Amino acid sequence: MSTQKLDADQQTKILDLKEEVADQYDEKKAEEFIRKNQDKTWYEDFMVLFNMIRDKDFTLNTKTKLAIAGAIAYVVMPVDIIPDFLPIIGWIDDVFVLNFTVKSIRDEIVRYQETTA
């Protein structure tokens, strides 16, 4: 696997997608998701998305690539709706974004997992 560099247009699209996802954030849904999944880890979802976008042998359409890149950028960027430095609470929005993205591209994730199994 190799890393792909994004051009200025792609970076702008990712940042716009990040803002769109942030606008869809619902604190109550995020808290409910955390409560229901407190014994699970968001890390697995993050790694699936990360691996999907980096896998040169797996094809994704541009919209899906942007959704994944936006979610990953949101999680790794230090500035977001709820600052990550706040213990536990700071990760609620990140988990929500990951969950939203995973649910949105569920079919692509299944297809990816089938090709890597």
PDB file of N, CA and C in Angstrom:
ATOM      1  N   MET A   1       0.830  -1.179   0.000  1.00  0.00           N
ATOM      2  CA  MET A   1       0.000   0.000   0.000  1.00  0.00           C
ATOM      3  C   MET A   1       0.875   1.243   0.000  1.00  0.00           C
ATOM      4  N   SER A   2       0.431   2.262  -0.706  1.00  0.00           N
ATOM      5  CA  SER A   2       1.158   3.517  -0.683  1.00  0.00           C
ATOM      6  C   SER A   2       0.197   4.639  -0.335  1.00  0.00           C
ATOM      7  N   THR A   3       0.744   5.721   0.142  1.00  0.00           N
ATOM      8  CA  THR A   3      -0.105   6.851   0.487  1.00  0.00           C
ATOM      9  C   THR A   3      -0.378   7.675  -0.752  1.00  0.00           C
ATOM     10  N   GLN A   4      -1.561   8.249  -0.813  1.00  0.00           N
ATOM     11  CA  GLN A   4      -1.942   9.077  -1.932  1.00  0.00           C
ATOM     12  C   GLN A   4      -1.954  10.526  -1.482  1.00  0.00           C
ATOM     13  N   LYS A   5      -1.395  11.410  -2.299  1.00  0.00           N
ATOM     14  CA  LYS A   5      -1.413  12.839  -2.005  1.00  0.00           C
ATOM     15  C   LYS A   5      -2.679  13.425  -2.606  1.00  0.00           C
ATOM     16  N   LEU A   6      -3.298  14.316  -1.864  1.00  0.00           N
ATOM     17  CA  LEU A   6      -4.514  14.962  -2.334  1.00  0.00           C
ATOM     18  C   LEU A   6      -4.169  16.320  -2.923  1.00  0.00           C
ATOM     19  N   ASP A   7      -4.803  16.646  -4.059  1.00  0.00           N
ATOM     20  CA  ASP A   7      -4.575  17.970  -4.621  1.00  0.00           C
ATOM     21  C   ASP A   7      -5.471  18.983  -3.900  1.00  0.00           C
ATOM     22  N   ALA A   8      -5.316  20.255  -4.214  1.00  0.00           N
ATOM     23  CA  ALA A   8      -6.048  21.318  -3.516  1.00  0.00           C
ATOM     24  C   ALA A   8      -7.553  21.148  -3.657  1.00  0.00           C
ATOM     25  N   ASP A   9      -8.032  20.735  -4.831  1.00  0.00           N
ATOM     26  CA  ASP A   9      -9.461  20.541  -5.043  1.00  0.00           C
ATOM     27  C   ASP A   9      -9.998  19.413  -4.164  1.00  0.00           C
ATOM     28  N   GLN A  10      -9.256  18.313  -4.088  1.00  0.00           N
ATOM     29  CA  GLN A  10      -9.671  17.192  -3.242  1.00  0.00           C
ATOM     30  C   GLN A  10      -9.667  17.597  -1.767  1.00  0.00           C
ATOM     31  N   GLN A  11      -8.663  18.347  -1.344  1.00  0.00           N
ATOM     32  CA  GLN A  11      -8.598  18.815   0.040  1.00  0.00           C
ATOM     33  C   GLN A  11      -9.793  19.704   0.366  1.00  0.00           C
ATOM     34  N   THR A  12     -10.158  20.579  -0.565  1.00  0.00           N
ATOM     35  CA  THR A  12     -11.322  21.448  -0.362  1.00  0.00           C
ATOM     36  C   THR A  12     -12.593  20.624  -0.243  1.00  0.00           C
ATOM     37  N   LYS A  13     -12.749  19.625  -1.104  1.00  0.00           N
ATOM     38  CA  LYS A  13     -13.927  18.758  -1.042  1.00  0.00           C
ATOM     39  C   LYS A  13     -13.997  18.021   0.289  1.00  0.00           C
ATOM     40  N   ILE A  14     -12.867  17.551   0.766  1.00  0.00           N
ATOM     41  CA  ILE A  14     -12.842  16.835   2.042  1.00  0.00           C
ATOM     42  C   ILE A  14     -13.225  17.764   3.181  1.00  0.00           C
ATOM     43  N   LEU A  15     -12.689  18.967   3.178  1.00  0.00           N
ATOM     44  CA  LEU A  15     -13.023  19.924   4.240  1.00  0.00           C
ATOM     45  C   LEU A  15     -14.492  20.320   4.174  1.00  0.00           C
ATOM     46  N   ASP A  16     -15.044  20.467   2.962  1.00  0.00           N
ATOM     47  CA  ASP A  16     -16.473  20.759   2.822  1.00  0.00           C
ATOM     48  C   ASP A  16     -17.308  19.600   3.351  1.00  0.00           C
ATOM     49  N   LEU A  17     -16.893  18.364   3.040  1.00  0.00           N
ATOM     50  CA  LEU A  17     -17.597  17.193   3.539  1.00  0.00           C
ATOM     51  C   LEU A  17     -17.537  17.138   5.056  1.00  0.00           C
ATOM     52  N   LYS A  18     -16.388  17.475   5.608  1.00  0.00           N
ATOM     53  CA  LYS A  18     -16.227  17.508   7.064  1.00  0.00           C
ATOM     54  C   LYS A  18     -17.242  18.471   7.681  1.00  0.00           C
ATOM     55  N   GLU A  19     -17.398  19.637   7.076  1.00  0.00           N
ATOM     56  CA  GLU A  19     -18.363  20.613   7.579  1.00  0.00           C
ATOM     57  C   GLU A  19     -19.786  20.088   7.464  1.00  0.00           C
ATOM     58  N   GLU A  20     -20.095  19.414   6.357  1.00  0.00           N
ATOM     59  CA  GLU A  20     -21.428  18.853   6.165  1.00  0.00           C
ATOM     60  C   GLU A  20     -21.727  17.800   7.230  1.00  0.00           C
ATOM     61  N   VAL A  21     -20.761  16.936   7.486  1.00  0.00           N
ATOM     62  CA  VAL A  21     -20.930  15.909   8.514  1.00  0.00           C
ATOM     63  C   VAL A  21     -21.092  16.560   9.883  1.00  0.00           C
ATOM     64  N   ALA A  22     -20.302  17.593  10.140  1.00  0.00           N
ATOM     65  CA  ALA A  22     -20.394  18.291  11.420  1.00  0.00           C
ATOM     66  C   ALA A  22     -21.776  18.911  11.606  1.00  0.00           C
ATOM     67  N   ASP A  23     -22.366  19.414  10.523  1.00  0.00           N
ATOM     68  CA  ASP A  23     -23.698  20.010  10.602  1.00  0.00           C
ATOM     69  C   ASP A  23     -24.759  18.965  10.940  1.00  0.00           C
ATOM     70  N   GLN A  24     -24.500  17.701  10.637  1.00  0.00           N
ATOM     71  CA  GLN A  24     -25.460  16.633  10.893  1.00  0.00           C
ATOM     72  C   GLN A  24     -25.290  16.006  12.277  1.00  0.00           C
ATOM     73  N   TYR A  25     -24.329  16.517  13.039  1.00  0.00           N
ATOM     74  CA  TYR A  25     -24.058  15.979  14.374  1.00  0.00           C
ATOM     75  C   TYR A  25     -25.261  16.186  15.290  1.00  0.00           C
ATOM     76  N   ASP A  26     -25.637  15.129  15.982  1.00  0.00           N
ATOM     77  CA  ASP A  26     -26.748  15.177  16.922  1.00  0.00           C
ATOM     78  C   ASP A  26     -26.234  14.620  18.251  1.00  0.00           C
ATOM     79  N   GLU A  27     -26.124  15.495  19.243  1.00  0.00           N
ATOM     80  CA  GLU A  27     -25.526  15.099  20.524  1.00  0.00           C
ATOM     81  C   GLU A  27     -26.267  13.939  21.183  1.00  0.00           C
ATOM     82  N   LYS A  28     -27.584  13.950  21.136  1.00  0.00           N
ATOM     83  CA  LYS A  28     -28.359  12.873  21.766  1.00  0.00           C
ATOM     84  C   LYS A  28     -28.107  11.529  21.077  1.00  0.00           C
ATOM     85  N   LYS A  29     -28.040  11.539  19.742  1.00  0.00           N
ATOM     86  CA  LYS A  29     -27.749  10.306  19.015  1.00  0.00           C
ATOM     87  C   LYS A  29     -26.337   9.817  19.331  1.00  0.00           C
ATOM     88  N   ALA A  30     -25.406  10.757  19.447  1.00  0.00           N
ATOM     89  CA  ALA A  30     -24.030  10.382  19.756  1.00  0.00           C
ATOM     90  C   ALA A  30     -23.948   9.747  21.145  1.00  0.00           C
ATOM     91  N   GLU A  31     -24.615  10.338  22.120  1.00  0.00           N
ATOM     92  CA  GLU A  31     -24.607   9.777  23.475  1.00  0.00           C
ATOM     93  C   GLU A  31     -25.270   8.405  23.498  1.00  0.00           C
ATOM     94  N   GLU A  32     -26.350   8.257  22.742  1.00  0.00           N
ATOM     95  CA  GLU A  32     -27.034   6.965  22.672  1.00  0.00           C
ATOM     96  C   GLU A  32     -26.117   5.914  22.044  1.00  0.00           C
ATOM     97  N   PHE A  33     -25.419   6.294  20.988  1.00  0.00           N
ATOM     98  CA  PHE A  33     -24.496   5.378  20.339  1.00  0.00           C
ATOM     99  C   PHE A  33     -23.399   4.947  21.304  1.00  0.00           C
ATOM    100  N   ILE A  34     -22.823   5.882  22.033  1.00  0.00           N
ATOM    101  CA  ILE A  34     -21.769   5.567  23.009  1.00  0.00           C
ATOM    102  C   ILE A  34     -22.310   4.626  24.077  1.00  0.00           C
ATOM    103  N   ARG A  35     -23.495   4.923  24.571  1.00  0.00           N
ATOM    104  CA  ARG A  35     -24.088   4.097  25.631  1.00  0.00           C
ATOM    105  C   ARG A  35     -24.317   2.663  25.137  1.00  0.00           C
ATOM    106  N   LYS A  36     -24.821   2.534  23.917  1.00  0.00           N
ATOM    107  CA  LYS A  36     -25.105   1.209  23.375  1.00  0.00           C
ATOM    108  C   LYS A  36     -23.832   0.443  23.029  1.00  0.00           C
ATOM    109  N   ASN A  37     -22.766   1.166  22.730  1.00  0.00           N
ATOM    110  CA  ASN A  37     -21.557   0.518  22.241  1.00  0.00           C
ATOM    111  C   ASN A  37     -20.359   0.706  23.154  1.00  0.00           C
ATOM    112  N   GLN A  38     -20.606   0.985  24.423  1.00  0.00           N
ATOM    113  CA  GLN A  38     -19.491   1.273  25.317  1.00  0.00           C
ATOM    114  C   GLN A  38     -18.551   0.094  25.511  1.00  0.00           C
ATOM    115  N   ASP A  39     -19.018  -1.101  25.243  1.00  0.00           N
ATOM    116  CA  ASP A  39     -18.127  -2.250  25.370  1.00  0.00           C
ATOM    117  C   ASP A  39     -17.421  -2.571  24.047  1.00  0.00           C
ATOM    118  N   LYS A  40     -17.737  -1.819  23.003  1.00  0.00           N
ATOM    119  CA  LYS A  40     -17.102  -2.002  21.698  1.00  0.00           C
ATOM    120  C   LYS A  40     -16.109  -0.867  21.483  1.00  0.00           C
ATOM    121  N   THR A  41     -15.307  -1.006  20.468  1.00  0.00           N
ATOM    122  CA  THR A  41     -14.333   0.037  20.195  1.00  0.00           C
ATOM    123  C   THR A  41     -14.569   0.664  18.829  1.00  0.00           C
ATOM    124  N   TRP A  42     -14.403   1.956  18.731  1.00  0.00           N
ATOM    125  CA  TRP A  42     -14.534   2.675  17.474  1.00  0.00           C
ATOM    126  C   TRP A  42     -13.300   2.444  16.609  1.00  0.00           C
ATOM    127  N   TYR A  43     -12.261   1.974  17.227  1.00  0.00           N
ATOM    128  CA  TYR A  43     -10.995   1.788  16.525  1.00  0.00           C
ATOM    129  C   TYR A  43     -11.133   0.848  15.327  1.00  0.00           C
ATOM    130  N   GLU A  44     -11.905  -0.203  15.475  1.00  0.00           N
ATOM    131  CA  GLU A  44     -12.083  -1.153  14.376  1.00  0.00           C
ATOM    132  C   GLU A  44     -12.706  -0.481  13.161  1.00  0.00           C
ATOM    133  N   ASP A  45     -13.739   0.337  13.382  1.00  0.00           N
ATOM    134  CA  ASP A  45     -14.364   1.059  12.273  1.00  0.00           C
ATOM    135  C   ASP A  45     -13.364   2.011  11.617  1.00  0.00           C
ATOM    136  N   PHE A  46     -12.609   2.712  12.451  1.00  0.00           N
ATOM    137  CA  PHE A  46     -11.619   3.640  11.931  1.00  0.00           C
ATOM    138  C   PHE A  46     -10.608   2.913  11.053  1.00  0.00           C
ATOM    139  N   MET A  47     -10.124   1.784  11.516  1.00  0.00           N
ATOM    140  CA  MET A  47      -9.110   1.047  10.770  1.00  0.00           C
ATOM    141  C   MET A  47      -9.667   0.468   9.466  1.00  0.00           C
ATOM    142  N   VAL A  48     -10.908   0.026   9.464  1.00  0.00           N
ATOM    143  CA  VAL A  48     -11.515  -0.462   8.225  1.00  0.00           C
ATOM    144  C   VAL A  48     -11.568   0.670   7.206  1.00  0.00           C
ATOM    145  N   LEU A  49     -12.038   1.838   7.628  1.00  0.00           N
ATOM    146  CA  LEU A  49     -12.106   2.977   6.718  1.00  0.00           C
ATOM    147  C   LEU A  49     -10.713   3.374   6.232  1.00  0.00           C
ATOM    148  N   PHE A  50      -9.779   3.418   7.156  1.00  0.00           N
ATOM    149  CA  PHE A  50      -8.406   3.786   6.825  1.00  0.00           C
ATOM    150  C   PHE A  50      -7.810   2.817   5.808  1.00  0.00           C
ATOM    151  N   ASN A  51      -7.995   1.532   6.041  1.00  0.00           N
ATOM    152  CA  ASN A  51      -7.467   0.525   5.125  1.00  0.00           C
ATOM    153  C   ASN A  51      -8.156   0.558   3.760  1.00  0.00           C
ATOM    154  N   MET A  52      -9.461   0.818   3.760  1.00  0.00           N
ATOM    155  CA  MET A  52     -10.200   0.893   2.499  1.00  0.00           C
ATOM    156  C   MET A  52      -9.642   1.990   1.601  1.00  0.00           C
ATOM    157  N   ILE A  53      -9.403   3.146   2.182  1.00  0.00           N
ATOM    158  CA  ILE A  53      -8.981   4.282   1.361  1.00  0.00           C
ATOM    159  C   ILE A  53      -7.523   4.152   0.919  1.00  0.00           C
ATOM    160  N   ARG A  54      -6.741   3.402   1.646  1.00  0.00           N
ATOM    161  CA  ARG A  54      -5.332   3.236   1.294  1.00  0.00           C
ATOM    162  C   ARG A  54      -5.077   2.049   0.364  1.00  0.00           C
ATOM    163  N   ASP A  55      -6.021   1.154   0.259  1.00  0.00           N
ATOM    164  CA  ASP A  55      -5.847  -0.059  -0.542  1.00  0.00           C
ATOM    165  C   ASP A  55      -5.946   0.272  -2.033  1.00  0.00           C
ATOM    166  N   LYS A  56      -4.807   0.239  -2.718  1.00  0.00           N
ATOM    167  CA  LYS A  56      -4.770   0.577  -4.141  1.00  0.00           C
ATOM    168  C   LYS A  56      -5.489  -0.448  -5.007  1.00  0.00           C
ATOM    169  N   ASP A  57      -5.648  -1.658  -4.515  1.00  0.00           N
ATOM    170  CA  ASP A  57      -6.291  -2.716  -5.284  1.00  0.00           C
ATOM    171  C   ASP A  57      -7.816  -2.699  -5.147  1.00  0.00           C
ATOM    172  N   PHE A  58      -8.336  -1.885  -4.252  1.00  0.00           N
ATOM    173  CA  PHE A  58      -9.774  -1.820  -4.014  1.00  0.00           C
ATOM    174  C   PHE A  58     -10.313  -0.518  -4.595  1.00  0.00           C
ATOM    175  N   THR A  59     -11.281  -0.613  -5.492  1.00  0.00           N
ATOM    176  CA  THR A  59     -11.813   0.584  -6.140  1.00  0.00           C
ATOM    177  C   THR A  59     -13.019   1.135  -5.385  1.00  0.00           C
ATOM    178  N   LEU A  60     -13.002   2.450  -5.253  1.00  0.00           N
ATOM    179  CA  LEU A  60     -14.102   3.170  -4.608  1.00  0.00           C
ATOM    180  C   LEU A  60     -14.502   4.330  -5.506  1.00  0.00           C
ATOM    181  N   ASN A  61     -15.783   4.676  -5.490  1.00  0.00           N
ATOM    182  CA  ASN A  61     -16.179   5.856  -6.247  1.00  0.00           C
ATOM    183  C   ASN A  61     -15.758   7.104  -5.473  1.00  0.00           C
ATOM    184  N   THR A  62     -15.731   8.229  -6.155  1.00  0.00           N
ATOM    185  CA  THR A  62     -15.233   9.473  -5.564  1.00  0.00           C
ATOM    186  C   THR A  62     -16.032   9.882  -4.334  1.00  0.00           C
ATOM    187  N   LYS A  63     -17.340   9.739  -4.379  1.00  0.00           N
ATOM    188  CA  LYS A  63     -18.184  10.131  -3.240  1.00  0.00           C
ATOM    189  C   LYS A  63     -17.823   9.316  -1.996  1.00  0.00           C
ATOM    190  N   THR A  64     -17.618   8.025  -2.169  1.00  0.00           N
ATOM    191  CA  THR A  64     -17.256   7.167  -1.040  1.00  0.00           C
ATOM    192  C   THR A  64     -15.869   7.514  -0.522  1.00  0.00           C
ATOM    193  N   LYS A  65     -14.927   7.757  -1.433  1.00  0.00           N
ATOM    194  CA  LYS A  65     -13.587   8.170  -1.013  1.00  0.00           C
ATOM    195  C   LYS A  65     -13.639   9.452  -0.193  1.00  0.00           C
ATOM    196  N   LEU A  66     -14.437  10.398  -0.655  1.00  0.00           N
ATOM    197  CA  LEU A  66     -14.553  11.669   0.067  1.00  0.00           C
ATOM    198  C   LEU A  66     -15.203  11.476   1.443  1.00  0.00           C
ATOM    199  N   ALA A  67     -16.204  10.609   1.506  1.00  0.00           N
ATOM    200  CA  ALA A  67     -16.850  10.347   2.796  1.00  0.00           C
ATOM    201  C   ALA A  67     -15.854   9.737   3.779  1.00  0.00           C
ATOM    202  N   ILE A  68     -15.084   8.776   3.314  1.00  0.00           N
ATOM    203  CA  ILE A  68     -14.090   8.132   4.176  1.00  0.00           C
ATOM    204  C   ILE A  68     -13.014   9.132   4.581  1.00  0.00           C
ATOM    205  N   ALA A  69     -12.492   9.856   3.604  1.00  0.00           N
ATOM    206  CA  ALA A  69     -11.442  10.834   3.901  1.00  0.00           C
ATOM    207  C   ALA A  69     -11.944  11.906   4.858  1.00  0.00           C
ATOM    208  N   GLY A  70     -13.183  12.339   4.682  1.00  0.00           N
ATOM    209  CA  GLY A  70     -13.759  13.342   5.576  1.00  0.00           C
ATOM    210  C   GLY A  70     -13.888  12.825   7.004  1.00  0.00           C
ATOM    211  N   ALA A  71     -14.332  11.579   7.136  1.00  0.00           N
ATOM    212  CA  ALA A  71     -14.470  10.989   8.471  1.00  0.00           C
ATOM    213  C   ALA A  71     -13.112  10.836   9.141  1.00  0.00           C
ATOM    214  N   ILE A  72     -12.139  10.341   8.395  1.00  0.00           N
ATOM    215  CA  ILE A  72     -10.799  10.164   8.953  1.00  0.00           C
ATOM    216  C   ILE A  72     -10.210  11.515   9.338  1.00  0.00           C
ATOM    217  N   ALA A  73     -10.369  12.500   8.456  1.00  0.00           N
ATOM    218  CA  ALA A  73      -9.856  13.845   8.760  1.00  0.00           C
ATOM    219  C   ALA A  73     -10.513  14.404  10.007  1.00  0.00           C
ATOM    220  N   TYR A  74     -11.812  14.195  10.121  1.00  0.00           N
ATOM    221  CA  TYR A  74     -12.517  14.715  11.292  1.00  0.00           C
ATOM    222  C   TYR A  74     -11.982  14.098  12.582  1.00  0.00           C
ATOM    223  N   VAL A  75     -11.740  12.806  12.546  1.00  0.00           N
ATOM    224  CA  VAL A  75     -11.268  12.111  13.748  1.00  0.00           C
ATOM    225  C   VAL A  75      -9.845  12.534  14.111  1.00  0.00           C
ATOM    226  N   VAL A  76      -8.991  12.670  13.119  1.00  0.00           N
ATOM    227  CA  VAL A  76      -7.592  12.945  13.435  1.00  0.00           C
ATOM    228  C   VAL A  76      -7.281  14.426  13.632  1.00  0.00           C
ATOM    229  N   MET A  77      -8.126  15.299  13.105  1.00  0.00           N
ATOM    230  CA  MET A  77      -7.873  16.730  13.283  1.00  0.00           C
ATOM    231  C   MET A  77      -8.202  17.138  14.716  1.00  0.00           C
ATOM    232  N   PRO A  78      -7.350  17.942  15.322  1.00  0.00           N
ATOM    233  CA  PRO A  78      -7.566  18.315  16.723  1.00  0.00           C
ATOM    234  C   PRO A  78      -8.726  19.276  16.938  1.00  0.00           C
ATOM    235  N   VAL A  79      -9.137  19.986  15.902  1.00  0.00           N
ATOM    236  CA  VAL A  79     -10.225  20.954  16.041  1.00  0.00           C
ATOM    237  C   VAL A  79     -11.499  20.345  15.482  1.00  0.00           C
ATOM    238  N   ASP A  80     -12.492  20.164  16.338  1.00  0.00           N
ATOM    239  CA  ASP A  80     -13.788  19.697  15.890  1.00  0.00           C
ATOM    240  C   ASP A  80     -14.852  20.221  16.846  1.00  0.00           C
ATOM    241  N   ILE A  81     -16.066  19.721  16.732  1.00  0.00           N
ATOM    242  CA  ILE A  81     -17.187  20.266  17.505  1.00  0.00           C
ATOM    243  C   ILE A  81     -16.916  20.209  19.002  1.00  0.00           C
ATOM    244  N   ILE A  82     -16.511  19.052  19.478  1.00  0.00           N
ATOM    245  CA  ILE A  82     -16.171  18.890  20.896  1.00  0.00           C
ATOM    246  C   ILE A  82     -14.671  18.622  20.957  1.00  0.00           C
ATOM    247  N   PRO A  83     -13.902  19.522  21.550  1.00  0.00           N
ATOM    248  CA  PRO A  83     -12.438  19.347  21.569  1.00  0.00           C
ATOM    249  C   PRO A  83     -12.027  18.002  22.157  1.00  0.00           C
ATOM    250  N   ASP A  84     -11.096  17.336  21.478  1.00  0.00           N
ATOM    251  CA  ASP A  84     -10.677  15.992  21.873  1.00  0.00           C
ATOM    252  C   ASP A  84      -9.953  15.956  23.216  1.00  0.00           C
ATOM    253  N   PHE A  85      -9.448  17.084  23.675  1.00  0.00           N
ATOM    254  CA  PHE A  85      -8.729  17.073  24.944  1.00  0.00           C
ATOM    255  C   PHE A  85      -9.655  16.912  26.146  1.00  0.00           C
ATOM    256  N   LEU A  86     -10.970  17.031  25.941  1.00  0.00           N
ATOM    257  CA  LEU A  86     -11.915  16.800  27.032  1.00  0.00           C
ATOM    258  C   LEU A  86     -12.086  15.298  27.216  1.00  0.00           C
ATOM    259  N   PRO A  87     -11.790  14.776  28.398  1.00  0.00           N
ATOM    260  CA  PRO A  87     -11.863  13.326  28.609  1.00  0.00           C
ATOM    261  C   PRO A  87     -13.241  12.755  28.257  1.00  0.00           C
ATOM    262  N   ILE A  88     -13.258  11.678  27.550  1.00  0.00           N
ATOM    263  CA  ILE A  88     -14.432  10.914  27.111  1.00  0.00           C
ATOM    264  C   ILE A  88     -15.364  11.750  26.228  1.00  0.00           C
ATOM    265  N   ILE A  89     -15.840  12.862  26.723  1.00  0.00           N
ATOM    266  CA  ILE A  89     -16.777  13.712  25.973  1.00  0.00           C
ATOM    267  C   ILE A  89     -16.154  14.161  24.649  1.00  0.00           C
ATOM    268  N   GLY A  90     -14.859  14.404  24.650  1.00  0.00           N
ATOM    269  CA  GLY A  90     -14.184  14.887  23.458  1.00  0.00           C
ATOM    270  C   GLY A  90     -14.202  13.923  22.295  1.00  0.00           C
ATOM    271  N   TRP A  91     -14.481  12.656  22.554  1.00  0.00           N
ATOM    272  CA  TRP A  91     -14.503  11.665  21.480  1.00  0.00           C
ATOM    273  C   TRP A  91     -15.913  11.341  21.001  1.00  0.00           C
ATOM    274  N   ILE A  92     -16.929  11.874  21.649  1.00  0.00           N
ATOM    275  CA  ILE A  92     -18.311  11.553  21.262  1.00  0.00           C
ATOM    276  C   ILE A  92     -18.583  11.948  19.818  1.00  0.00           C
ATOM    277  N   ASP A  93     -18.196  13.151  19.443  1.00  0.00           N
ATOM    278  CA  ASP A  93     -18.463  13.582  18.071  1.00  0.00           C
ATOM    279  C   ASP A  93     -17.661  12.764  17.060  1.00  0.00           C
ATOM    280  N   ASP A  94     -16.443  12.384  17.429  1.00  0.00           N
ATOM    281  CA  ASP A  94     -15.634  11.562  16.530  1.00  0.00           C
ATOM    282  C   ASP A  94     -16.277  10.192  16.305  1.00  0.00           C
ATOM    283  N   VAL A  95     -16.759   9.582  17.360  1.00  0.00           N
ATOM    284  CA  VAL A  95     -17.427   8.282  17.253  1.00  0.00           C
ATOM    285  C   VAL A  95     -18.707   8.422  16.429  1.00  0.00           C
ATOM    286  N   PHE A  96     -19.419   9.523  16.634  1.00  0.00           N
ATOM    287  CA  PHE A  96     -20.638   9.754  15.862  1.00  0.00           C
ATOM    288  C   PHE A  96     -20.319   9.850  14.366  1.00  0.00           C
ATOM    289  N   VAL A  97     -19.282  10.592  14.013  1.00  0.00           N
ATOM    290  CA  VAL A  97     -18.893  10.753  12.606  1.00  0.00           C
ATOM    291  C   VAL A  97     -18.506   9.400  12.014  1.00  0.00           C
ATOM    292  N   LEU A  98     -17.725   8.612  12.757  1.00  0.00           N
ATOM    293  CA  LEU A  98     -17.350   7.282  12.275  1.00  0.00           C
ATOM    294  C   LEU A  98     -18.587   6.410  12.063  1.00  0.00           C
ATOM    295  N   ASN A  99     -19.487   6.412  13.040  1.00  0.00           N
ATOM    296  CA  ASN A  99     -20.700   5.599  12.941  1.00  0.00           C
ATOM    297  C   ASN A  99     -21.550   6.033  11.751  1.00  0.00           C
ATOM    298  N   PHE A 100     -21.717   7.323  11.584  1.00  0.00           N
ATOM    299  CA  PHE A 100     -22.497   7.854  10.472  1.00  0.00           C
ATOM    300  C   PHE A 100     -21.895   7.417   9.134  1.00  0.00           C
ATOM    301  N   THR A 101     -20.578   7.523   9.021  1.00  0.00           N
ATOM    302  CA  THR A 101     -19.896   7.155   7.781  1.00  0.00           C
ATOM    303  C   THR A 101     -20.005   5.661   7.522  1.00  0.00           C
ATOM    304  N   VAL A 102     -19.772   4.860   8.550  1.00  0.00           N
ATOM    305  CA  VAL A 102     -19.850   3.398   8.404  1.00  0.00           C
ATOM    306  C   VAL A 102     -21.253   2.984   7.963  1.00  0.00           C
ATOM    307  N   LYS A 103     -22.271   3.559   8.574  1.00  0.00           N
ATOM    308  CA  LYS A 103     -23.644   3.220   8.182  1.00  0.00           C
ATOM    309  C   LYS A 103     -23.942   3.668   6.756  1.00  0.00           C
ATOM    310  N   SER A 104     -23.387   4.811   6.361  1.00  0.00           N
ATOM    311  CA  SER A 104     -23.644   5.356   5.025  1.00  0.00           C
ATOM    312  C   SER A 104     -23.024   4.517   3.912  1.00  0.00           C
ATOM    313  N   ILE A 105     -21.907   3.868   4.213  1.00  0.00           N
ATOM    314  CA  ILE A 105     -21.210   3.107   3.171  1.00  0.00           C
ATOM    315  C   ILE A 105     -21.125   1.621   3.529  1.00  0.00           C
ATOM    316  N   ARG A 106     -22.076   1.144   4.288  1.00  0.00           N
ATOM    317  CA  ARG A 106     -22.095  -0.242   4.761  1.00  0.00           C
ATOM    318  C   ARG A 106     -21.858  -1.251   3.638  1.00  0.00           C
ATOM    319  N   ASP A 107     -22.520  -1.060   2.485  1.00  0.00           N
ATOM    320  CA  ASP A 107     -22.367  -2.014   1.375  1.00  0.00           C
ATOM    321  C   ASP A 107     -20.924  -2.059   0.878  1.00  0.00           C
ATOM    322  N   GLU A 108     -20.280  -0.906   0.812  1.00  0.00           N
ATOM    323  CA  GLU A 108     -18.887  -0.856   0.362  1.00  0.00           C
ATOM    324  C   GLU A 108     -17.959  -1.526   1.381  1.00  0.00           C
ATOM    325  N   ILE A 109     -18.253  -1.372   2.645  1.00  0.00           N
ATOM    326  CA  ILE A 109     -17.445  -2.011   3.691  1.00  0.00           C
ATOM    327  C   ILE A 109     -17.562  -3.526   3.578  1.00  0.00           C
ATOM    328  N   VAL A 110     -18.783  -4.015   3.385  1.00  0.00           N
ATOM    329  CA  VAL A 110     -18.989  -5.460   3.222  1.00  0.00           C
ATOM    330  C   VAL A 110     -18.223  -5.960   2.005  1.00  0.00           C
ATOM    331  N   ARG A 111     -18.302  -5.213   0.909  1.00  0.00           N
ATOM    332  CA  ARG A 111     -17.599  -5.595  -0.318  1.00  0.00           C
ATOM    333  C   ARG A 111     -16.088  -5.626  -0.064  1.00  0.00           C
ATOM    334  N   TYR A 112     -15.580  -4.644   0.667  1.00  0.00           N
ATOM    335  CA  TYR A 112     -14.148  -4.599   0.979  1.00  0.00           C
ATOM    336  C   TYR A 112     -13.753  -5.786   1.859  1.00  0.00           C
ATOM    337  N   GLN A 113     -14.539  -6.054   2.878  1.00  0.00           N
ATOM    338  CA  GLN A 113     -14.216  -7.157   3.779  1.00  0.00           C
ATOM    339  C   GLN A 113     -14.268  -8.499   3.059  1.00  0.00           C
ATOM    340  N   GLU A 114     -15.156  -8.631   2.093  1.00  0.00           N
ATOM    341  CA  GLU A 114     -15.220  -9.871   1.315  1.00  0.00           C
ATOM    342  C   GLU A 114     -13.960 -10.047   0.462  1.00  0.00           C
ATOM    343  N   THR A 115     -13.404  -8.962  -0.034  1.00  0.00           N
ATOM    344  CA  THR A 115     -12.221  -9.066  -0.886  1.00  0.00           C
ATOM    345  C   THR A 115     -10.947  -9.273  -0.075  1.00  0.00           C
ATOM    346  N   THR A 116     -10.968  -8.935   1.206  1.00  0.00           N
ATOM    347  CA  THR A 116      -9.773  -9.090   2.030  1.00  0.00           C
ATOM    348  C   THR A 116      -9.838 -10.297   2.946  1.00  0.00           C
ATOM    349  N   ALA A 117     -10.955 -11.016   2.895  1.00  0.00           N
ATOM    350  CA  ALA A 117     -11.102 -12.184   3.782  1.00  0.00           C
ATOM    351  C   ALA A 117     -10.330 -13.372   3.275  1.00  0.00           C
TER     352      ALA A 117
END
